[in-house]
Amino acid sequence: MANKRDLKKDLNYVLGDIIEAVYVWELTNPGKDTKKSEKIIDEAIETFDTLITKVNDRKIENKKQHFKAINLELEKKGRELIDKINAL
């Protein structure tokens, strides 16, 4: 990970795209129940809040390792959310 700014951009883009994908699904499936899709959006927002708090933590000794762990957590959580969208 190059720096904190790039990691924040990645968080915004990845989780923003996931939320956008849920909205597209809702628009293309107007007759279906949106409770599950709303839960996915809530989970994406919760993930963003958790990860951005970790990014902004200044009490970290090894920043490179810390940011790498956050990036891996973002990838894992992003894939989980995408799988949930595909299961709708």
PDB file of N, CA and C in Angstrom:
ATOM      1  N   MET A   1       0.858  -1.168   0.000  1.00  0.00           N
ATOM      2  CA  MET A   1       0.000   0.000   0.000  1.00  0.00           C
ATOM      3  C   MET A   1       0.898   1.222   0.000  1.00  0.00           C
ATOM      4  N   ALA A   2       0.653   2.108  -0.915  1.00  0.00           N
ATOM      5  CA  ALA A   2       1.508   3.279  -1.065  1.00  0.00           C
ATOM      6  C   ALA A   2       1.377   4.239   0.115  1.00  0.00           C
ATOM      7  N   ASN A   3       0.166   4.638   0.435  1.00  0.00           N
ATOM      8  CA  ASN A   3      -0.014   5.561   1.548  1.00  0.00           C
ATOM      9  C   ASN A   3      -1.469   5.566   2.032  1.00  0.00           C
ATOM     10  N   LYS A   4      -1.693   6.330   3.067  1.00  0.00           N
ATOM     11  CA  LYS A   4      -3.015   6.396   3.691  1.00  0.00           C
ATOM     12  C   LYS A   4      -4.066   6.950   2.729  1.00  0.00           C
ATOM     13  N   ARG A   5      -3.694   7.926   1.944  1.00  0.00           N
ATOM     14  CA  ARG A   5      -4.642   8.537   1.009  1.00  0.00           C
ATOM     15  C   ARG A   5      -5.148   7.523  -0.018  1.00  0.00           C
ATOM     16  N   ASP A   6      -4.235   6.710  -0.550  1.00  0.00           N
ATOM     17  CA  ASP A   6      -4.642   5.699  -1.521  1.00  0.00           C
ATOM     18  C   ASP A   6      -5.556   4.644  -0.893  1.00  0.00           C
ATOM     19  N   LEU A   7      -5.264   4.284   0.345  1.00  0.00           N
ATOM     20  CA  LEU A   7      -6.103   3.308   1.026  1.00  0.00           C
ATOM     21  C   LEU A   7      -7.508   3.855   1.253  1.00  0.00           C
ATOM     22  N   LYS A   8      -7.595   5.123   1.613  1.00  0.00           N
ATOM     23  CA  LYS A   8      -8.914   5.750   1.798  1.00  0.00           C
ATOM     24  C   LYS A   8      -9.681   5.791   0.483  1.00  0.00           C
ATOM     25  N   LYS A   9      -8.994   6.082  -0.612  1.00  0.00           N
ATOM     26  CA  LYS A   9      -9.651   6.081  -1.925  1.00  0.00           C
ATOM     27  C   LYS A   9     -10.161   4.692  -2.273  1.00  0.00           C
ATOM     28  N   ASP A  10      -9.335   3.672  -1.988  1.00  0.00           N
ATOM     29  CA  ASP A  10      -9.761   2.297  -2.257  1.00  0.00           C
ATOM     30  C   ASP A  10     -11.015   1.941  -1.464  1.00  0.00           C
ATOM     31  N   LEU A  11     -11.044   2.348  -0.203  1.00  0.00           N
ATOM     32  CA  LEU A  11     -12.228   2.099   0.619  1.00  0.00           C
ATOM     33  C   LEU A  11     -13.464   2.731  -0.009  1.00  0.00           C
ATOM     34  N   ASN A  12     -13.333   3.974  -0.414  1.00  0.00           N
ATOM     35  CA  ASN A  12     -14.459   4.684  -1.023  1.00  0.00           C
ATOM     36  C   ASN A  12     -14.921   4.016  -2.317  1.00  0.00           C
ATOM     37  N   TYR A  13     -13.969   3.676  -3.178  1.00  0.00           N
ATOM     38  CA  TYR A  13     -14.329   3.117  -4.472  1.00  0.00           C
ATOM     39  C   TYR A  13     -14.947   1.727  -4.337  1.00  0.00           C
ATOM     40  N   VAL A  14     -14.310   0.858  -3.580  1.00  0.00           N
ATOM     41  CA  VAL A  14     -14.786  -0.523  -3.476  1.00  0.00           C
ATOM     42  C   VAL A  14     -16.161  -0.583  -2.827  1.00  0.00           C
ATOM     43  N   LEU A  15     -16.291   0.026  -1.661  1.00  0.00           N
ATOM     44  CA  LEU A  15     -17.568  -0.050  -0.955  1.00  0.00           C
ATOM     45  C   LEU A  15     -18.637   0.794  -1.648  1.00  0.00           C
ATOM     46  N   GLY A  16     -18.246   1.878  -2.277  1.00  0.00           N
ATOM     47  CA  GLY A  16     -19.198   2.671  -3.048  1.00  0.00           C
ATOM     48  C   GLY A  16     -19.734   1.905  -4.244  1.00  0.00           C
ATOM     49  N   ASP A  17     -18.858   1.172  -4.919  1.00  0.00           N
ATOM     50  CA  ASP A  17     -19.301   0.361  -6.054  1.00  0.00           C
ATOM     51  C   ASP A  17     -20.233  -0.765  -5.615  1.00  0.00           C
ATOM     52  N   ILE A  18     -19.969  -1.328  -4.448  1.00  0.00           N
ATOM     53  CA  ILE A  18     -20.842  -2.382  -3.943  1.00  0.00           C
ATOM     54  C   ILE A  18     -22.226  -1.821  -3.640  1.00  0.00           C
ATOM     55  N   ILE A  19     -22.277  -0.671  -3.005  1.00  0.00           N
ATOM     56  CA  ILE A  19     -23.573  -0.044  -2.716  1.00  0.00           C
ATOM     57  C   ILE A  19     -24.294   0.297  -4.013  1.00  0.00           C
ATOM     58  N   GLU A  20     -23.558   0.792  -4.987  1.00  0.00           N
ATOM     59  CA  GLU A  20     -24.156   1.117  -6.286  1.00  0.00           C
ATOM     60  C   GLU A  20     -24.711  -0.137  -6.955  1.00  0.00           C
ATOM     61  N   ALA A  21     -24.005  -1.261  -6.843  1.00  0.00           N
ATOM     62  CA  ALA A  21     -24.472  -2.514  -7.429  1.00  0.00           C
ATOM     63  C   ALA A  21     -25.781  -2.963  -6.777  1.00  0.00           C
ATOM     64  N   VAL A  22     -25.910  -2.733  -5.477  1.00  0.00           N
ATOM     65  CA  VAL A  22     -27.158  -3.083  -4.792  1.00  0.00           C
ATOM     66  C   VAL A  22     -28.299  -2.213  -5.308  1.00  0.00           C
ATOM     67  N   TYR A  23     -28.040  -0.927  -5.474  1.00  0.00           N
ATOM     68  CA  TYR A  23     -29.083  -0.029  -6.002  1.00  0.00           C
ATOM     69  C   TYR A  23     -29.498  -0.434  -7.410  1.00  0.00           C
ATOM     70  N   VAL A  24     -28.535  -0.833  -8.231  1.00  0.00           N
ATOM     71  CA  VAL A  24     -28.855  -1.288  -9.586  1.00  0.00           C
ATOM     72  C   VAL A  24     -29.723  -2.542  -9.513  1.00  0.00           C
ATOM     73  N   TRP A  25     -29.386  -3.461  -8.621  1.00  0.00           N
ATOM     74  CA  TRP A  25     -30.186  -4.670  -8.458  1.00  0.00           C
ATOM     75  C   TRP A  25     -31.614  -4.311  -8.048  1.00  0.00           C
ATOM     76  N   GLU A  26     -31.748  -3.370  -7.117  1.00  0.00           N
ATOM     77  CA  GLU A  26     -33.076  -2.966  -6.669  1.00  0.00           C
ATOM     78  C   GLU A  26     -33.886  -2.358  -7.812  1.00  0.00           C
ATOM     79  N   LEU A  27     -33.229  -1.572  -8.663  1.00  0.00           N
ATOM     80  CA  LEU A  27     -33.940  -0.946  -9.782  1.00  0.00           C
ATOM     81  C   LEU A  27     -34.339  -1.954 -10.852  1.00  0.00           C
ATOM     82  N   THR A  28     -33.520  -2.969 -11.050  1.00  0.00           N
ATOM     83  CA  THR A  28     -33.816  -3.956 -12.083  1.00  0.00           C
ATOM     84  C   THR A  28     -34.763  -5.050 -11.586  1.00  0.00           C
ATOM     85  N   ASN A  29     -34.998  -5.104 -10.278  1.00  0.00           N
ATOM     86  CA  ASN A  29     -35.904  -6.095  -9.694  1.00  0.00           C
ATOM     87  C   ASN A  29     -36.920  -5.393  -8.792  1.00  0.00           C
ATOM     88  N   PRO A  30     -37.811  -4.598  -9.392  1.00  0.00           N
ATOM     89  CA  PRO A  30     -38.722  -3.793  -8.562  1.00  0.00           C
ATOM     90  C   PRO A  30     -39.738  -4.617  -7.779  1.00  0.00           C
ATOM     91  N   GLY A  31     -40.047  -5.813  -8.202  1.00  0.00           N
ATOM     92  CA  GLY A  31     -41.051  -6.620  -7.527  1.00  0.00           C
ATOM     93  C   GLY A  31     -40.523  -7.416  -6.351  1.00  0.00           C
ATOM     94  N   LYS A  32     -39.207  -7.455  -6.188  1.00  0.00           N
ATOM     95  CA  LYS A  32     -38.616  -8.275  -5.130  1.00  0.00           C
ATOM     96  C   LYS A  32     -38.476  -7.489  -3.831  1.00  0.00           C
ATOM     97  N   ASP A  33     -38.436  -8.233  -2.734  1.00  0.00           N
ATOM     98  CA  ASP A  33     -38.291  -7.637  -1.408  1.00  0.00           C
ATOM     99  C   ASP A  33     -36.875  -7.058  -1.260  1.00  0.00           C
ATOM    100  N   THR A  34     -36.776  -5.855  -0.714  1.00  0.00           N
ATOM    101  CA  THR A  34     -35.486  -5.182  -0.619  1.00  0.00           C
ATOM    102  C   THR A  34     -34.868  -5.252   0.776  1.00  0.00           C
ATOM    103  N   LYS A  35     -35.416  -6.053   1.665  1.00  0.00           N
ATOM    104  CA  LYS A  35     -34.858  -6.135   3.017  1.00  0.00           C
ATOM    105  C   LYS A  35     -33.445  -6.691   3.015  1.00  0.00           C
ATOM    106  N   LYS A  36     -33.198  -7.727   2.211  1.00  0.00           N
ATOM    107  CA  LYS A  36     -31.852  -8.306   2.142  1.00  0.00           C
ATOM    108  C   LYS A  36     -30.867  -7.330   1.507  1.00  0.00           C
ATOM    109  N   SER A  37     -31.304  -6.637   0.476  1.00  0.00           N
ATOM    110  CA  SER A  37     -30.404  -5.691  -0.177  1.00  0.00           C
ATOM    111  C   SER A  37     -30.090  -4.507   0.736  1.00  0.00           C
ATOM    112  N   GLU A  38     -31.063  -4.086   1.529  1.00  0.00           N
ATOM    113  CA  GLU A  38     -30.827  -2.996   2.475  1.00  0.00           C
ATOM    114  C   GLU A  38     -29.833  -3.420   3.555  1.00  0.00           C
ATOM    115  N   LYS A  39     -29.881  -4.692   3.945  1.00  0.00           N
ATOM    116  CA  LYS A  39     -28.917  -5.199   4.919  1.00  0.00           C
ATOM    117  C   LYS A  39     -27.504  -5.183   4.337  1.00  0.00           C
ATOM    118  N   ILE A  40     -27.385  -5.469   3.054  1.00  0.00           N
ATOM    119  CA  ILE A  40     -26.066  -5.447   2.411  1.00  0.00           C
ATOM    120  C   ILE A  40     -25.523  -4.023   2.406  1.00  0.00           C
ATOM    121  N   ILE A  41     -26.370  -3.051   2.119  1.00  0.00           N
ATOM    122  CA  ILE A  41     -25.941  -1.651   2.134  1.00  0.00           C
ATOM    123  C   ILE A  41     -25.507  -1.246   3.541  1.00  0.00           C
ATOM    124  N   ASP A  42     -26.298  -1.633   4.540  1.00  0.00           N
ATOM    125  CA  ASP A  42     -25.938  -1.323   5.924  1.00  0.00           C
ATOM    126  C   ASP A  42     -24.608  -1.961   6.312  1.00  0.00           C
ATOM    127  N   GLU A  43     -24.398  -3.182   5.864  1.00  0.00           N
ATOM    128  CA  GLU A  43     -23.150  -3.883   6.163  1.00  0.00           C
ATOM    129  C   GLU A  43     -21.959  -3.205   5.478  1.00  0.00           C
ATOM    130  N   ALA A  44     -22.157  -2.721   4.257  1.00  0.00           N
ATOM    131  CA  ALA A  44     -21.089  -2.019   3.550  1.00  0.00           C
ATOM    132  C   ALA A  44     -20.729  -0.716   4.269  1.00  0.00           C
ATOM    133  N   ILE A  45     -21.728  -0.007   4.739  1.00  0.00           N
ATOM    134  CA  ILE A  45     -21.479   1.240   5.464  1.00  0.00           C
ATOM    135  C   ILE A  45     -20.779   0.958   6.788  1.00  0.00           C
ATOM    136  N   GLU A  46     -21.209  -0.089   7.458  1.00  0.00           N
ATOM    137  CA  GLU A  46     -20.580  -0.475   8.718  1.00  0.00           C
ATOM    138  C   GLU A  46     -19.118  -0.878   8.493  1.00  0.00           C
ATOM    139  N   THR A  47     -18.863  -1.600   7.419  1.00  0.00           N
ATOM    140  CA  THR A  47     -17.499  -1.990   7.070  1.00  0.00           C
ATOM    141  C   THR A  47     -16.644  -0.761   6.798  1.00  0.00           C
ATOM    142  N   PHE A  48     -17.199   0.197   6.062  1.00  0.00           N
ATOM    143  CA  PHE A  48     -16.464   1.431   5.781  1.00  0.00           C
ATOM    144  C   PHE A  48     -16.101   2.145   7.078  1.00  0.00           C
ATOM    145  N   ASP A  49     -17.073   2.284   7.970  1.00  0.00           N
ATOM    146  CA  ASP A  49     -16.818   2.968   9.237  1.00  0.00           C
ATOM    147  C   ASP A  49     -15.728   2.277  10.043  1.00  0.00           C
ATOM    148  N   THR A  50     -15.780   0.956  10.093  1.00  0.00           N
ATOM    149  CA  THR A  50     -14.783   0.195  10.844  1.00  0.00           C
ATOM    150  C   THR A  50     -13.390   0.358  10.246  1.00  0.00           C
ATOM    151  N   LEU A  51     -13.303   0.219   8.934  1.00  0.00           N
ATOM    152  CA  LEU A  51     -11.992   0.273   8.282  1.00  0.00           C
ATOM    153  C   LEU A  51     -11.415   1.683   8.282  1.00  0.00           C
ATOM    154  N   ILE A  52     -12.246   2.699   8.125  1.00  0.00           N
ATOM    155  CA  ILE A  52     -11.731   4.071   8.117  1.00  0.00           C
ATOM    156  C   ILE A  52     -11.210   4.439   9.503  1.00  0.00           C
ATOM    157  N   THR A  53     -11.827   3.887  10.546  1.00  0.00           N
ATOM    158  CA  THR A  53     -11.332   4.113  11.901  1.00  0.00           C
ATOM    159  C   THR A  53      -9.958   3.476  12.064  1.00  0.00           C
ATOM    160  N   LYS A  54      -9.782   2.283  11.503  1.00  0.00           N
ATOM    161  CA  LYS A  54      -8.480   1.618  11.567  1.00  0.00           C
ATOM    162  C   LYS A  54      -7.428   2.387  10.772  1.00  0.00           C
ATOM    163  N   VAL A  55      -7.813   2.932   9.626  1.00  0.00           N
ATOM    164  CA  VAL A  55      -6.870   3.698   8.803  1.00  0.00           C
ATOM    165  C   VAL A  55      -6.401   4.945   9.548  1.00  0.00           C
ATOM    166  N   ASN A  56      -7.308   5.598  10.245  1.00  0.00           N
ATOM    167  CA  ASN A  56      -6.984   6.855  10.916  1.00  0.00           C
ATOM    168  C   ASN A  56      -6.333   6.673  12.289  1.00  0.00           C
ATOM    169  N   ASP A  57      -6.135   5.432  12.730  1.00  0.00           N
ATOM    170  CA  ASP A  57      -5.493   5.171  14.015  1.00  0.00           C
ATOM    171  C   ASP A  57      -4.023   5.579  13.940  1.00  0.00           C
ATOM    172  N   ARG A  58      -3.626   6.483  14.804  1.00  0.00           N
ATOM    173  CA  ARG A  58      -2.255   7.009  14.775  1.00  0.00           C
ATOM    174  C   ARG A  58      -1.313   6.289  15.744  1.00  0.00           C
ATOM    175  N   LYS A  59      -1.815   5.332  16.492  1.00  0.00           N
ATOM    176  CA  LYS A  59      -1.000   4.652  17.495  1.00  0.00           C
ATOM    177  C   LYS A  59      -0.380   3.365  16.957  1.00  0.00           C
ATOM    178  N   ILE A  60      -0.163   3.307  15.676  1.00  0.00           N
ATOM    179  CA  ILE A  60       0.371   2.119  15.028  1.00  0.00           C
ATOM    180  C   ILE A  60       1.879   2.266  14.866  1.00  0.00           C
ATOM    181  N   GLU A  61       2.610   1.195  15.216  1.00  0.00           N
ATOM    182  CA  GLU A  61       4.062   1.243  15.079  1.00  0.00           C
ATOM    183  C   GLU A  61       4.508   0.905  13.659  1.00  0.00           C
ATOM    184  N   ASN A  62       3.986  -0.187  13.113  1.00  0.00           N
ATOM    185  CA  ASN A  62       4.379  -0.613  11.773  1.00  0.00           C
ATOM    186  C   ASN A  62       3.239  -0.285  10.805  1.00  0.00           C
ATOM    187  N   LYS A  63       3.292   0.892  10.214  1.00  0.00           N
ATOM    188  CA  LYS A  63       2.205   1.358   9.342  1.00  0.00           C
ATOM    189  C   LYS A  63       2.048   0.501   8.101  1.00  0.00           C
ATOM    190  N   LYS A  64       3.155   0.078   7.525  1.00  0.00           N
ATOM    191  CA  LYS A  64       3.080  -0.712   6.299  1.00  0.00           C
ATOM    192  C   LYS A  64       2.324  -2.013   6.540  1.00  0.00           C
ATOM    193  N   GLN A  65       2.638  -2.706   7.603  1.00  0.00           N
ATOM    194  CA  GLN A  65       1.957  -3.951   7.928  1.00  0.00           C
ATOM    195  C   GLN A  65       0.493  -3.702   8.279  1.00  0.00           C
ATOM    196  N   HIS A  66       0.233  -2.626   9.006  1.00  0.00           N
ATOM    197  CA  HIS A  66      -1.133  -2.276   9.398  1.00  0.00           C
ATOM    198  C   HIS A  66      -1.996  -1.981   8.177  1.00  0.00           C
ATOM    199  N   PHE A  67      -1.489  -1.182   7.246  1.00  0.00           N
ATOM    200  CA  PHE A  67      -2.250  -0.850   6.038  1.00  0.00           C
ATOM    201  C   PHE A  67      -2.458  -2.078   5.158  1.00  0.00           C
ATOM    202  N   LYS A  68      -1.458  -2.953   5.124  1.00  0.00           N
ATOM    203  CA  LYS A  68      -1.596  -4.171   4.334  1.00  0.00           C
ATOM    204  C   LYS A  68      -2.711  -5.047   4.905  1.00  0.00           C
ATOM    205  N   ALA A  69      -2.789  -5.129   6.234  1.00  0.00           N
ATOM    206  CA  ALA A  69      -3.840  -5.913   6.882  1.00  0.00           C
ATOM    207  C   ALA A  69      -5.219  -5.305   6.597  1.00  0.00           C
ATOM    208  N   ILE A  70      -5.303  -3.991   6.605  1.00  0.00           N
ATOM    209  CA  ILE A  70      -6.576  -3.319   6.294  1.00  0.00           C
ATOM    210  C   ILE A  70      -6.979  -3.601   4.853  1.00  0.00           C
ATOM    211  N   ASN A  71      -6.019  -3.560   3.954  1.00  0.00           N
ATOM    212  CA  ASN A  71      -6.296  -3.825   2.542  1.00  0.00           C
ATOM    213  C   ASN A  71      -6.800  -5.260   2.352  1.00  0.00           C
ATOM    214  N   LEU A  72      -6.189  -6.217   3.050  1.00  0.00           N
ATOM    215  CA  LEU A  72      -6.645  -7.607   2.963  1.00  0.00           C
ATOM    216  C   LEU A  72      -8.045  -7.765   3.539  1.00  0.00           C
ATOM    217  N   GLU A  73      -8.324  -7.064   4.625  1.00  0.00           N
ATOM    218  CA  GLU A  73      -9.651  -7.115   5.227  1.00  0.00           C
ATOM    219  C   GLU A  73     -10.694  -6.514   4.277  1.00  0.00           C
ATOM    220  N   LEU A  74     -10.317  -5.440   3.591  1.00  0.00           N
ATOM    221  CA  LEU A  74     -11.217  -4.833   2.606  1.00  0.00           C
ATOM    222  C   LEU A  74     -11.519  -5.813   1.481  1.00  0.00           C
ATOM    223  N   GLU A  75     -10.501  -6.487   0.978  1.00  0.00           N
ATOM    224  CA  GLU A  75     -10.712  -7.467  -0.093  1.00  0.00           C
ATOM    225  C   GLU A  75     -11.636  -8.590   0.364  1.00  0.00           C
ATOM    226  N   LYS A  76     -11.399  -9.111   1.559  1.00  0.00           N
ATOM    227  CA  LYS A  76     -12.204 -10.213   2.080  1.00  0.00           C
ATOM    228  C   LYS A  76     -13.656  -9.778   2.253  1.00  0.00           C
ATOM    229  N   LYS A  77     -13.865  -8.647   2.880  1.00  0.00           N
ATOM    230  CA  LYS A  77     -15.220  -8.170   3.138  1.00  0.00           C
ATOM    231  C   LYS A  77     -15.920  -7.794   1.831  1.00  0.00           C
ATOM    232  N   GLY A  78     -15.180  -7.200   0.901  1.00  0.00           N
ATOM    233  CA  GLY A  78     -15.744  -6.852  -0.395  1.00  0.00           C
ATOM    234  C   GLY A  78     -16.232  -8.078  -1.146  1.00  0.00           C
ATOM    235  N   ARG A  79     -15.446  -9.144  -1.116  1.00  0.00           N
ATOM    236  CA  ARG A  79     -15.860 -10.379  -1.791  1.00  0.00           C
ATOM    237  C   ARG A  79     -17.089 -10.983  -1.140  1.00  0.00           C
ATOM    238  N   GLU A  80     -17.143 -10.924   0.202  1.00  0.00           N
ATOM    239  CA  GLU A  80     -18.322 -11.436   0.903  1.00  0.00           C
ATOM    240  C   GLU A  80     -19.582 -10.668   0.489  1.00  0.00           C
ATOM    241  N   LEU A  81     -19.462  -9.355   0.412  1.00  0.00           N
ATOM    242  CA  LEU A  81     -20.612  -8.532   0.041  1.00  0.00           C
ATOM    243  C   LEU A  81     -21.029  -8.787  -1.405  1.00  0.00           C
ATOM    244  N   ILE A  82     -20.063  -8.950  -2.284  1.00  0.00           N
ATOM    245  CA  ILE A  82     -20.369  -9.242  -3.691  1.00  0.00           C
ATOM    246  C   ILE A  82     -21.067 -10.592  -3.813  1.00  0.00           C
ATOM    247  N   ASP A  83     -20.612 -11.577  -3.038  1.00  0.00           N
ATOM    248  CA  ASP A  83     -21.281 -12.878  -3.045  1.00  0.00           C
ATOM    249  C   ASP A  83     -22.723 -12.764  -2.573  1.00  0.00           C
ATOM    250  N   LYS A  84     -22.958 -11.909  -1.581  1.00  0.00           N
ATOM    251  CA  LYS A  84     -24.326 -11.708  -1.093  1.00  0.00           C
ATOM    252  C   LYS A  84     -25.198 -11.038  -2.155  1.00  0.00           C
ATOM    253  N   ILE A  85     -24.605 -10.094  -2.902  1.00  0.00           N
ATOM    254  CA  ILE A  85     -25.355  -9.455  -3.982  1.00  0.00           C
ATOM    255  C   ILE A  85     -25.711 -10.483  -5.061  1.00  0.00           C
ATOM    256  N   ASN A  86     -24.752 -11.320  -5.407  1.00  0.00           N
ATOM    257  CA  ASN A  86     -24.996 -12.348  -6.429  1.00  0.00           C
ATOM    258  C   ASN A  86     -26.050 -13.358  -5.990  1.00  0.00           C
ATOM    259  N   ALA A  87     -26.176 -13.555  -4.675  1.00  0.00           N
ATOM    260  CA  ALA A  87     -27.151 -14.508  -4.161  1.00  0.00           C
ATOM    261  C   ALA A  87     -28.569 -13.948  -4.122  1.00  0.00           C
ATOM    262  N   LEU A  88     -28.697 -12.627  -4.313  1.00  0.00           N
ATOM    263  CA  LEU A  88     -30.041 -12.033  -4.302  1.00  0.00           C
ATOM    264  C   LEU A  88     -30.781 -12.541  -5.472  1.00  0.00           C
TER     265      LEU A  88
END
